N, C-alpha and C. Protein backbone atom coordinates (compact mmCIF):
# COMPACT_ATOMS: atom_id res chain seq x y z
N UNK A 1 -19.69 -16.78 -11.68
CA UNK A 1 -19.79 -16.64 -10.24
C UNK A 1 -21.12 -16.02 -9.81
N UNK A 2 -21.92 -15.56 -10.74
CA UNK A 2 -23.18 -14.96 -10.37
C UNK A 2 -23.08 -13.49 -10.06
N UNK A 3 -21.88 -12.93 -10.11
CA UNK A 3 -21.70 -11.51 -9.81
C UNK A 3 -21.40 -10.77 -11.09
N UNK A 4 -22.13 -9.69 -11.34
CA UNK A 4 -21.80 -8.86 -12.49
C UNK A 4 -20.63 -7.97 -12.12
N UNK A 5 -19.92 -7.51 -13.10
CA UNK A 5 -18.75 -6.65 -12.87
C UNK A 5 -19.22 -5.32 -12.29
N UNK A 6 -18.67 -4.97 -11.17
CA UNK A 6 -18.98 -3.70 -10.52
C UNK A 6 -18.13 -2.62 -11.17
N UNK A 7 -18.38 -1.37 -10.76
CA UNK A 7 -17.60 -0.27 -11.32
C UNK A 7 -16.13 -0.41 -10.95
N UNK A 8 -15.87 -0.92 -9.77
CA UNK A 8 -14.50 -1.19 -9.30
C UNK A 8 -14.56 -2.41 -8.41
N UNK A 9 -13.44 -3.10 -8.32
CA UNK A 9 -13.35 -4.29 -7.47
C UNK A 9 -12.24 -4.09 -6.44
N UNK A 10 -12.60 -4.15 -5.17
CA UNK A 10 -11.65 -3.99 -4.08
C UNK A 10 -11.57 -5.28 -3.28
N UNK A 11 -10.38 -5.60 -2.80
CA UNK A 11 -10.20 -6.74 -1.91
C UNK A 11 -9.57 -6.23 -0.63
N UNK A 12 -10.08 -6.73 0.49
CA UNK A 12 -9.64 -6.29 1.81
C UNK A 12 -9.21 -7.48 2.65
N UNK A 13 -8.26 -7.23 3.55
CA UNK A 13 -8.10 -8.08 4.72
C UNK A 13 -8.53 -7.21 5.89
N UNK A 14 -9.55 -7.66 6.60
CA UNK A 14 -10.10 -6.88 7.71
C UNK A 14 -9.53 -7.34 9.05
N UNK A 15 -9.15 -8.58 9.15
CA UNK A 15 -8.74 -9.15 10.43
C UNK A 15 -9.65 -10.33 10.72
N UNK A 16 -9.81 -10.64 12.00
CA UNK A 16 -10.61 -11.81 12.38
C UNK A 16 -11.99 -11.41 12.91
N UNK A 17 -12.43 -10.20 12.59
CA UNK A 17 -13.76 -9.72 12.96
C UNK A 17 -13.97 -9.69 14.46
N UNK A 18 -12.90 -9.32 15.19
CA UNK A 18 -13.05 -9.15 16.63
C UNK A 18 -14.05 -8.02 16.86
N UNK A 19 -14.82 -8.09 17.95
CA UNK A 19 -15.78 -7.02 18.23
C UNK A 19 -15.04 -5.76 18.72
N UNK A 20 -14.61 -4.95 17.76
CA UNK A 20 -13.88 -3.73 18.11
C UNK A 20 -14.15 -2.65 17.07
N UNK A 21 -13.50 -1.53 17.22
CA UNK A 21 -13.72 -0.41 16.31
C UNK A 21 -13.29 -0.68 14.89
N UNK A 22 -12.24 -1.47 14.69
CA UNK A 22 -11.78 -1.79 13.34
C UNK A 22 -12.87 -2.55 12.59
N UNK A 23 -13.48 -3.52 13.27
CA UNK A 23 -14.55 -4.29 12.65
C UNK A 23 -15.76 -3.42 12.36
N UNK A 24 -16.16 -2.59 13.31
CA UNK A 24 -17.32 -1.71 13.09
C UNK A 24 -17.07 -0.77 11.93
N UNK A 25 -15.87 -0.24 11.86
CA UNK A 25 -15.51 0.66 10.77
C UNK A 25 -15.56 -0.06 9.43
N UNK A 26 -15.05 -1.29 9.40
CA UNK A 26 -15.07 -2.05 8.16
C UNK A 26 -16.50 -2.37 7.73
N UNK A 27 -17.35 -2.72 8.67
CA UNK A 27 -18.74 -3.01 8.33
C UNK A 27 -19.39 -1.80 7.66
N UNK A 28 -19.17 -0.63 8.23
CA UNK A 28 -19.77 0.59 7.66
C UNK A 28 -19.16 0.92 6.30
N UNK A 29 -17.84 0.81 6.19
CA UNK A 29 -17.18 1.11 4.93
C UNK A 29 -17.62 0.15 3.83
N UNK A 30 -17.63 -1.13 4.11
CA UNK A 30 -17.99 -2.10 3.08
C UNK A 30 -19.43 -1.89 2.62
N UNK A 31 -20.33 -1.56 3.53
CA UNK A 31 -21.72 -1.29 3.14
C UNK A 31 -21.79 -0.06 2.26
N UNK A 32 -21.07 0.97 2.62
CA UNK A 32 -21.06 2.19 1.81
C UNK A 32 -20.53 1.90 0.40
N UNK A 33 -19.49 1.11 0.31
CA UNK A 33 -18.91 0.79 -0.99
C UNK A 33 -19.88 -0.01 -1.87
N UNK A 34 -20.47 -1.06 -1.32
CA UNK A 34 -21.39 -1.86 -2.15
C UNK A 34 -22.63 -1.05 -2.52
N UNK A 35 -23.03 -0.11 -1.66
CA UNK A 35 -24.15 0.78 -1.99
C UNK A 35 -23.83 1.65 -3.20
N UNK A 36 -22.53 1.86 -3.45
CA UNK A 36 -22.08 2.66 -4.60
C UNK A 36 -21.71 1.76 -5.79
N UNK A 37 -22.14 0.51 -5.75
CA UNK A 37 -21.84 -0.47 -6.80
C UNK A 37 -20.35 -0.71 -6.97
N UNK A 38 -19.62 -0.67 -5.87
CA UNK A 38 -18.21 -1.03 -5.86
C UNK A 38 -18.12 -2.43 -5.26
N UNK A 39 -17.50 -3.35 -5.98
CA UNK A 39 -17.38 -4.71 -5.51
C UNK A 39 -16.41 -4.83 -4.35
N UNK A 40 -16.81 -5.55 -3.33
CA UNK A 40 -15.98 -5.74 -2.14
C UNK A 40 -15.83 -7.23 -1.87
N UNK A 41 -14.58 -7.67 -1.80
CA UNK A 41 -14.25 -9.03 -1.38
C UNK A 41 -13.41 -8.91 -0.13
N UNK A 42 -13.71 -9.70 0.87
CA UNK A 42 -12.91 -9.72 2.09
C UNK A 42 -12.33 -11.12 2.24
N UNK A 43 -11.02 -11.17 2.49
CA UNK A 43 -10.36 -12.45 2.72
C UNK A 43 -10.30 -12.67 4.23
N UNK A 44 -10.61 -13.89 4.64
CA UNK A 44 -10.69 -14.19 6.07
C UNK A 44 -9.90 -15.45 6.38
N UNK A 45 -9.53 -15.58 7.64
CA UNK A 45 -8.93 -16.80 8.16
C UNK A 45 -10.02 -17.54 8.92
N UNK A 46 -10.62 -18.55 8.33
CA UNK A 46 -11.75 -19.22 8.99
C UNK A 46 -11.42 -19.72 10.39
N UNK A 47 -10.24 -20.27 10.59
CA UNK A 47 -9.89 -20.79 11.92
C UNK A 47 -9.91 -19.73 12.99
N UNK A 48 -9.38 -18.56 12.68
CA UNK A 48 -9.34 -17.47 13.67
C UNK A 48 -10.74 -16.90 13.90
N UNK A 49 -11.51 -16.81 12.85
CA UNK A 49 -12.83 -16.20 12.96
C UNK A 49 -13.83 -17.14 13.61
N UNK A 50 -13.88 -18.39 13.17
CA UNK A 50 -14.92 -19.30 13.65
C UNK A 50 -14.64 -19.87 15.04
N UNK A 51 -13.51 -19.50 15.63
CA UNK A 51 -13.21 -19.95 16.99
C UNK A 51 -13.95 -19.13 18.04
N UNK A 52 -14.62 -18.05 17.63
CA UNK A 52 -15.27 -17.15 18.58
C UNK A 52 -16.65 -16.77 18.04
N UNK A 53 -17.71 -17.11 18.77
CA UNK A 53 -19.06 -16.79 18.28
C UNK A 53 -19.30 -15.30 18.02
N UNK A 54 -18.66 -14.44 18.80
CA UNK A 54 -18.83 -12.99 18.57
C UNK A 54 -18.23 -12.58 17.22
N UNK A 55 -17.12 -13.18 16.86
CA UNK A 55 -16.49 -12.88 15.58
C UNK A 55 -17.38 -13.36 14.43
N UNK A 56 -17.93 -14.56 14.58
CA UNK A 56 -18.84 -15.09 13.56
C UNK A 56 -20.03 -14.16 13.41
N UNK A 57 -20.57 -13.70 14.52
CA UNK A 57 -21.72 -12.78 14.49
C UNK A 57 -21.37 -11.50 13.74
N UNK A 58 -20.19 -10.94 14.00
CA UNK A 58 -19.77 -9.71 13.31
C UNK A 58 -19.60 -9.96 11.80
N UNK A 59 -19.00 -11.10 11.47
CA UNK A 59 -18.82 -11.44 10.06
C UNK A 59 -20.17 -11.61 9.36
N UNK A 60 -21.08 -12.30 10.01
CA UNK A 60 -22.40 -12.53 9.42
C UNK A 60 -23.22 -11.25 9.31
N UNK A 61 -22.83 -10.21 10.03
CA UNK A 61 -23.53 -8.93 9.96
C UNK A 61 -23.11 -8.10 8.74
N UNK A 62 -22.08 -8.56 8.01
CA UNK A 62 -21.69 -7.84 6.79
C UNK A 62 -22.85 -7.81 5.80
N UNK A 63 -22.88 -6.78 4.99
CA UNK A 63 -23.86 -6.70 3.93
C UNK A 63 -23.72 -7.96 3.06
N UNK A 64 -24.82 -8.59 2.69
CA UNK A 64 -24.72 -9.83 1.90
C UNK A 64 -24.09 -9.65 0.53
N UNK A 65 -23.94 -8.43 0.07
CA UNK A 65 -23.29 -8.20 -1.22
C UNK A 65 -21.77 -8.24 -1.11
N UNK A 66 -21.24 -8.26 0.11
CA UNK A 66 -19.80 -8.38 0.32
C UNK A 66 -19.43 -9.85 0.14
N UNK A 67 -18.49 -10.11 -0.76
CA UNK A 67 -18.03 -11.48 -1.00
C UNK A 67 -16.91 -11.82 -0.02
N UNK A 68 -16.78 -13.10 0.27
CA UNK A 68 -15.70 -13.52 1.18
C UNK A 68 -14.93 -14.67 0.56
N UNK A 69 -13.68 -14.73 0.93
CA UNK A 69 -12.78 -15.79 0.49
C UNK A 69 -12.00 -16.25 1.71
N UNK A 70 -12.07 -17.52 2.02
CA UNK A 70 -11.34 -18.04 3.17
C UNK A 70 -9.93 -18.47 2.78
N UNK A 71 -8.97 -18.07 3.58
CA UNK A 71 -7.60 -18.54 3.37
C UNK A 71 -7.44 -19.82 4.16
N UNK A 72 -7.26 -20.91 3.46
CA UNK A 72 -7.05 -22.20 4.10
C UNK A 72 -5.71 -22.75 3.65
N UNK A 73 -5.12 -23.57 4.48
CA UNK A 73 -3.82 -24.12 4.16
C UNK A 73 -2.72 -23.15 4.54
N UNK A 74 -1.51 -23.65 4.52
CA UNK A 74 -0.36 -22.84 4.88
C UNK A 74 0.35 -22.28 3.67
N UNK A 75 1.17 -21.30 3.93
CA UNK A 75 1.96 -20.68 2.87
C UNK A 75 3.01 -21.68 2.40
N UNK A 76 3.09 -21.88 1.11
CA UNK A 76 4.09 -22.78 0.53
C UNK A 76 5.36 -21.99 0.28
N UNK A 77 6.41 -22.33 1.00
CA UNK A 77 7.68 -21.59 0.87
C UNK A 77 8.84 -22.57 0.75
N UNK A 78 9.89 -22.10 0.14
CA UNK A 78 11.13 -22.88 0.10
C UNK A 78 11.82 -22.75 1.46
N UNK A 79 12.83 -23.58 1.68
CA UNK A 79 13.60 -23.50 2.93
C UNK A 79 14.25 -22.13 3.06
N UNK A 80 14.77 -21.59 1.95
CA UNK A 80 15.38 -20.26 1.99
C UNK A 80 14.35 -19.20 2.34
N UNK A 81 13.18 -19.26 1.72
CA UNK A 81 12.13 -18.28 2.01
C UNK A 81 11.70 -18.36 3.47
N UNK A 82 11.59 -19.57 4.02
CA UNK A 82 11.21 -19.73 5.43
C UNK A 82 12.23 -19.07 6.32
N UNK A 83 13.53 -19.28 6.03
CA UNK A 83 14.58 -18.65 6.84
C UNK A 83 14.49 -17.13 6.75
N UNK A 84 14.26 -16.61 5.56
CA UNK A 84 14.20 -15.15 5.36
C UNK A 84 12.99 -14.57 6.08
N UNK A 85 11.83 -15.21 5.93
CA UNK A 85 10.62 -14.72 6.60
C UNK A 85 10.80 -14.77 8.11
N UNK A 86 11.31 -15.88 8.62
CA UNK A 86 11.53 -16.01 10.06
C UNK A 86 12.51 -14.97 10.57
N UNK A 87 13.56 -14.72 9.81
CA UNK A 87 14.54 -13.71 10.22
C UNK A 87 13.91 -12.32 10.24
N UNK A 88 13.16 -12.00 9.19
CA UNK A 88 12.47 -10.71 9.16
C UNK A 88 11.55 -10.58 10.38
N UNK A 89 10.80 -11.62 10.69
CA UNK A 89 9.89 -11.56 11.83
C UNK A 89 10.64 -11.47 13.16
N UNK A 90 11.89 -11.90 13.18
CA UNK A 90 12.69 -11.82 14.40
C UNK A 90 13.31 -10.42 14.58
N UNK A 91 13.83 -9.85 13.50
CA UNK A 91 14.55 -8.57 13.62
C UNK A 91 13.73 -7.37 13.15
N UNK A 92 12.57 -7.63 12.52
CA UNK A 92 11.65 -6.57 12.06
C UNK A 92 12.28 -5.60 11.08
N UNK A 93 13.15 -6.14 10.24
CA UNK A 93 13.72 -5.31 9.16
C UNK A 93 14.33 -6.25 8.12
N UNK A 94 14.53 -5.68 6.94
CA UNK A 94 15.20 -6.42 5.87
C UNK A 94 16.69 -6.15 5.98
N UNK A 95 17.48 -7.21 6.05
CA UNK A 95 18.91 -7.04 6.26
C UNK A 95 19.69 -6.83 4.97
N UNK A 96 19.06 -7.06 3.83
CA UNK A 96 19.70 -6.78 2.54
C UNK A 96 18.62 -6.74 1.47
N UNK A 97 18.95 -6.12 0.36
CA UNK A 97 18.02 -6.07 -0.77
C UNK A 97 17.75 -7.47 -1.32
N UNK A 98 18.75 -8.33 -1.32
CA UNK A 98 18.57 -9.70 -1.81
C UNK A 98 17.58 -10.48 -0.94
N UNK A 99 17.71 -10.34 0.38
CA UNK A 99 16.79 -11.03 1.28
C UNK A 99 15.38 -10.46 1.16
N UNK A 100 15.28 -9.16 0.97
CA UNK A 100 13.96 -8.55 0.79
C UNK A 100 13.29 -9.08 -0.48
N UNK A 101 14.07 -9.28 -1.53
CA UNK A 101 13.52 -9.82 -2.77
C UNK A 101 12.98 -11.24 -2.56
N UNK A 102 13.72 -12.05 -1.82
CA UNK A 102 13.27 -13.41 -1.52
C UNK A 102 11.95 -13.36 -0.72
N UNK A 103 11.89 -12.47 0.24
CA UNK A 103 10.69 -12.30 1.07
C UNK A 103 9.47 -11.98 0.22
N UNK A 104 9.60 -10.98 -0.64
CA UNK A 104 8.44 -10.55 -1.44
C UNK A 104 8.05 -11.61 -2.46
N UNK A 105 9.02 -12.35 -2.98
CA UNK A 105 8.69 -13.42 -3.93
C UNK A 105 7.81 -14.47 -3.26
N UNK A 106 8.09 -14.80 -2.01
CA UNK A 106 7.28 -15.79 -1.28
C UNK A 106 5.84 -15.31 -1.14
N UNK A 107 5.64 -14.02 -0.93
CA UNK A 107 4.28 -13.51 -0.77
C UNK A 107 3.57 -13.34 -2.11
N UNK A 108 4.32 -13.12 -3.17
CA UNK A 108 3.70 -13.12 -4.51
C UNK A 108 3.13 -14.50 -4.81
N UNK A 109 3.86 -15.54 -4.47
CA UNK A 109 3.39 -16.90 -4.69
C UNK A 109 2.14 -17.17 -3.85
N UNK A 110 2.15 -16.74 -2.61
CA UNK A 110 0.97 -16.96 -1.75
C UNK A 110 -0.25 -16.21 -2.30
N UNK A 111 -0.05 -15.02 -2.82
CA UNK A 111 -1.16 -14.28 -3.42
C UNK A 111 -1.71 -15.03 -4.63
N UNK A 112 -0.84 -15.60 -5.43
CA UNK A 112 -1.30 -16.40 -6.58
C UNK A 112 -2.04 -17.65 -6.13
N UNK A 113 -1.56 -18.27 -5.04
CA UNK A 113 -2.24 -19.46 -4.51
C UNK A 113 -3.67 -19.12 -4.10
N UNK A 114 -3.84 -17.99 -3.47
CA UNK A 114 -5.16 -17.63 -2.94
C UNK A 114 -6.09 -17.04 -4.00
N UNK A 115 -5.55 -16.21 -4.88
CA UNK A 115 -6.40 -15.46 -5.80
C UNK A 115 -6.29 -15.91 -7.25
N UNK A 116 -5.37 -16.83 -7.54
CA UNK A 116 -5.20 -17.26 -8.92
C UNK A 116 -4.86 -16.07 -9.80
N UNK A 117 -5.54 -15.96 -10.93
CA UNK A 117 -5.30 -14.86 -11.85
C UNK A 117 -6.18 -13.65 -11.62
N UNK A 118 -6.92 -13.63 -10.52
CA UNK A 118 -7.84 -12.51 -10.26
C UNK A 118 -7.06 -11.20 -10.18
N UNK A 119 -7.71 -10.16 -10.66
CA UNK A 119 -7.15 -8.81 -10.61
C UNK A 119 -8.16 -7.91 -9.91
N UNK A 120 -7.67 -7.08 -9.00
CA UNK A 120 -8.51 -6.13 -8.29
C UNK A 120 -8.04 -4.72 -8.60
N UNK A 121 -8.96 -3.80 -8.57
CA UNK A 121 -8.57 -2.41 -8.76
C UNK A 121 -7.71 -1.93 -7.59
N UNK A 122 -8.09 -2.35 -6.38
CA UNK A 122 -7.35 -1.95 -5.19
C UNK A 122 -7.30 -3.11 -4.21
N UNK A 123 -6.13 -3.34 -3.63
CA UNK A 123 -5.92 -4.32 -2.56
C UNK A 123 -5.62 -3.53 -1.29
N UNK A 124 -6.38 -3.80 -0.23
CA UNK A 124 -6.28 -2.98 0.99
C UNK A 124 -6.10 -3.86 2.21
N UNK A 125 -5.05 -3.59 2.97
CA UNK A 125 -4.91 -4.22 4.28
C UNK A 125 -5.56 -3.28 5.28
N UNK A 126 -6.82 -3.56 5.59
CA UNK A 126 -7.59 -2.69 6.47
C UNK A 126 -7.18 -2.87 7.92
N UNK A 127 -6.79 -4.07 8.30
CA UNK A 127 -6.43 -4.37 9.68
C UNK A 127 -5.14 -3.65 10.08
N UNK A 128 -4.13 -3.71 9.25
CA UNK A 128 -2.93 -2.89 9.41
C UNK A 128 -1.95 -3.27 10.50
N UNK A 129 -2.13 -4.39 11.17
CA UNK A 129 -1.26 -4.74 12.28
C UNK A 129 -0.44 -6.00 12.07
N UNK A 130 -0.79 -6.84 11.13
CA UNK A 130 -0.15 -8.15 10.99
C UNK A 130 0.85 -8.16 9.84
N UNK A 131 2.10 -8.51 10.13
CA UNK A 131 3.14 -8.54 9.10
C UNK A 131 2.74 -9.46 7.94
N UNK A 132 2.25 -10.66 8.25
CA UNK A 132 1.88 -11.60 7.19
C UNK A 132 0.85 -10.97 6.25
N UNK A 133 -0.21 -10.43 6.80
CA UNK A 133 -1.29 -9.90 5.97
C UNK A 133 -0.90 -8.63 5.26
N UNK A 134 -0.06 -7.82 5.87
CA UNK A 134 0.44 -6.63 5.17
C UNK A 134 1.22 -7.07 3.93
N UNK A 135 2.09 -8.06 4.11
CA UNK A 135 2.91 -8.54 2.99
C UNK A 135 2.03 -9.15 1.91
N UNK A 136 1.08 -9.95 2.32
CA UNK A 136 0.21 -10.60 1.33
C UNK A 136 -0.60 -9.58 0.54
N UNK A 137 -1.23 -8.64 1.22
CA UNK A 137 -2.08 -7.68 0.53
C UNK A 137 -1.26 -6.75 -0.36
N UNK A 138 0.01 -6.55 -0.03
CA UNK A 138 0.88 -5.74 -0.90
C UNK A 138 1.20 -6.46 -2.19
N UNK A 139 0.99 -7.79 -2.22
CA UNK A 139 1.36 -8.57 -3.40
C UNK A 139 0.18 -9.12 -4.20
N UNK A 140 -1.04 -8.77 -3.82
CA UNK A 140 -2.21 -9.14 -4.61
C UNK A 140 -2.16 -8.38 -5.93
N UNK A 141 -2.50 -9.04 -7.03
CA UNK A 141 -2.51 -8.37 -8.33
C UNK A 141 -3.59 -7.28 -8.31
N UNK A 142 -3.14 -6.03 -8.36
CA UNK A 142 -4.08 -4.91 -8.28
C UNK A 142 -3.47 -3.66 -8.88
N UNK A 143 -4.35 -2.73 -9.20
CA UNK A 143 -3.89 -1.45 -9.75
C UNK A 143 -3.24 -0.58 -8.69
N UNK A 144 -3.74 -0.66 -7.47
CA UNK A 144 -3.19 0.11 -6.35
C UNK A 144 -3.25 -0.74 -5.09
N UNK A 145 -2.41 -0.39 -4.14
CA UNK A 145 -2.44 -1.05 -2.84
C UNK A 145 -2.57 0.02 -1.76
N UNK A 146 -3.24 -0.35 -0.69
CA UNK A 146 -3.40 0.58 0.42
C UNK A 146 -3.40 -0.14 1.75
N UNK A 147 -3.05 0.60 2.79
CA UNK A 147 -3.09 0.05 4.14
C UNK A 147 -3.63 1.12 5.07
N UNK A 148 -4.43 0.70 6.02
CA UNK A 148 -4.97 1.61 7.03
C UNK A 148 -4.06 1.61 8.25
N UNK A 149 -3.86 2.79 8.79
CA UNK A 149 -3.09 2.96 10.02
C UNK A 149 -4.10 3.43 11.07
N UNK A 150 -4.44 2.54 11.99
CA UNK A 150 -5.51 2.81 12.94
C UNK A 150 -5.05 3.54 14.19
N UNK A 151 -3.79 3.85 14.26
CA UNK A 151 -3.27 4.51 15.45
C UNK A 151 -1.92 5.12 15.09
N UNK A 152 -1.30 5.78 16.06
CA UNK A 152 0.07 6.25 15.92
C UNK A 152 0.93 4.99 15.94
N UNK A 153 1.32 4.51 14.76
CA UNK A 153 1.94 3.20 14.66
C UNK A 153 3.33 3.14 15.29
N UNK A 154 4.09 4.21 15.21
CA UNK A 154 5.40 4.23 15.87
C UNK A 154 5.22 4.24 17.38
N UNK A 155 4.26 5.01 17.86
CA UNK A 155 3.95 5.01 19.29
C UNK A 155 3.52 3.63 19.76
N UNK A 156 2.69 2.96 18.97
CA UNK A 156 2.26 1.60 19.30
C UNK A 156 3.46 0.65 19.32
N UNK A 157 4.38 0.81 18.36
CA UNK A 157 5.57 -0.05 18.31
C UNK A 157 6.45 0.17 19.54
N UNK A 158 6.55 1.42 19.96
CA UNK A 158 7.42 1.74 21.09
C UNK A 158 6.83 1.36 22.45
N UNK A 159 5.50 1.28 22.54
CA UNK A 159 4.89 1.06 23.85
C UNK A 159 4.19 -0.28 24.01
N UNK A 160 3.61 -0.83 22.94
CA UNK A 160 2.80 -2.03 23.10
C UNK A 160 3.19 -3.19 22.19
N UNK A 161 3.49 -2.89 20.94
CA UNK A 161 3.68 -3.93 19.94
C UNK A 161 4.99 -3.71 19.18
N UNK A 162 6.12 -4.15 19.74
CA UNK A 162 7.40 -3.92 19.08
C UNK A 162 7.48 -4.46 17.66
N UNK A 163 6.73 -5.52 17.34
CA UNK A 163 6.77 -6.09 15.99
C UNK A 163 6.27 -5.12 14.93
N UNK A 164 5.58 -4.05 15.34
CA UNK A 164 5.10 -3.07 14.36
C UNK A 164 6.25 -2.36 13.65
N UNK A 165 7.46 -2.45 14.19
CA UNK A 165 8.62 -1.93 13.47
C UNK A 165 8.77 -2.68 12.15
N UNK A 166 8.47 -3.97 12.14
CA UNK A 166 8.49 -4.76 10.90
C UNK A 166 7.37 -4.36 9.96
N UNK A 167 6.19 -4.08 10.50
CA UNK A 167 5.08 -3.61 9.67
C UNK A 167 5.47 -2.30 8.99
N UNK A 168 6.13 -1.42 9.73
CA UNK A 168 6.55 -0.13 9.16
C UNK A 168 7.52 -0.34 7.99
N UNK A 169 8.33 -1.40 8.04
CA UNK A 169 9.24 -1.70 6.93
C UNK A 169 8.47 -2.06 5.66
N UNK A 170 7.24 -2.50 5.82
CA UNK A 170 6.42 -2.91 4.67
C UNK A 170 5.66 -1.74 4.04
N UNK A 171 5.58 -0.63 4.72
CA UNK A 171 4.77 0.49 4.23
C UNK A 171 5.16 0.95 2.83
N UNK A 172 6.43 0.92 2.51
CA UNK A 172 6.85 1.44 1.21
C UNK A 172 6.34 0.58 0.05
N UNK A 173 5.79 -0.59 0.33
CA UNK A 173 5.21 -1.43 -0.70
C UNK A 173 3.78 -1.00 -1.07
N UNK A 174 3.22 -0.08 -0.32
CA UNK A 174 1.85 0.37 -0.54
C UNK A 174 1.83 1.72 -1.23
N UNK A 175 0.86 1.87 -2.13
CA UNK A 175 0.69 3.14 -2.83
C UNK A 175 0.10 4.20 -1.91
N UNK A 176 -0.79 3.77 -1.01
CA UNK A 176 -1.50 4.71 -0.14
C UNK A 176 -1.49 4.17 1.28
N UNK A 177 -1.17 5.02 2.23
CA UNK A 177 -1.32 4.73 3.66
C UNK A 177 -2.37 5.69 4.18
N UNK A 178 -3.46 5.16 4.71
CA UNK A 178 -4.57 6.00 5.15
C UNK A 178 -4.70 5.92 6.66
N UNK A 179 -4.55 7.04 7.31
CA UNK A 179 -4.77 7.10 8.76
C UNK A 179 -6.25 7.36 9.01
N UNK A 180 -6.72 6.89 10.14
CA UNK A 180 -8.15 6.94 10.41
C UNK A 180 -8.67 8.30 10.85
N UNK A 181 -7.77 9.22 11.15
CA UNK A 181 -8.20 10.58 11.51
C UNK A 181 -7.07 11.55 11.17
N UNK A 182 -7.40 12.82 11.16
CA UNK A 182 -6.39 13.84 10.85
C UNK A 182 -5.26 13.81 11.88
N UNK A 183 -5.61 13.72 13.16
CA UNK A 183 -4.57 13.75 14.21
C UNK A 183 -3.68 12.51 14.13
N UNK A 184 -4.27 11.36 13.86
CA UNK A 184 -3.47 10.14 13.71
C UNK A 184 -2.59 10.26 12.47
N UNK A 185 -3.14 10.85 11.41
CA UNK A 185 -2.36 11.06 10.18
C UNK A 185 -1.16 11.95 10.43
N UNK A 186 -1.35 13.01 11.19
CA UNK A 186 -0.24 13.92 11.51
C UNK A 186 0.83 13.20 12.32
N UNK A 187 0.40 12.41 13.30
CA UNK A 187 1.37 11.66 14.12
C UNK A 187 2.15 10.67 13.25
N UNK A 188 1.46 9.98 12.36
CA UNK A 188 2.14 9.01 11.49
C UNK A 188 3.07 9.69 10.51
N UNK A 189 2.65 10.82 9.93
CA UNK A 189 3.53 11.54 9.01
C UNK A 189 4.80 12.01 9.70
N UNK A 190 4.66 12.50 10.91
CA UNK A 190 5.82 12.99 11.65
C UNK A 190 6.79 11.86 12.03
N UNK A 191 6.24 10.71 12.38
CA UNK A 191 7.08 9.62 12.89
C UNK A 191 7.61 8.70 11.80
N UNK A 192 6.88 8.59 10.71
CA UNK A 192 7.30 7.66 9.65
C UNK A 192 8.10 8.40 8.60
């Protein structure tokens, strides 16, 4: 691939590079990491990103040492997995351990489809808001998994984004949950 092995290899989902604080934060973090000889790969949804020139501009502003991988095509699921995923997305919770197992198996397959046999030291859902991407990044072959919490997530679920109750159900699949500030961390610890 032309890339030598870095001291560590991290894979991120950042989002669609909307011009906002999450994107600015990711740009700074990824530059800091590659400056420390830590390999950074970011997975992107080309359709969502390339539909907006500002998003393309933000993506192109990444340090050139940051690698990217585009997710193309749809998730291949069985009829049962589709029903389970759709139900989870409707009720924002797992209704049984058996259904939860079916759900996670579908995302393990999607991770294999996208990454093959690749192994990362850490898989991180930096965006932290999308159920699909949280599930996928929790199932990438890696030594550790992490997710960023960019706000008081329970407060956000109660006031703006009710689907975040489903995202909160996914948190236990991550080794590390990182809040973006001490005050946000305190709010999340108290509520979660």
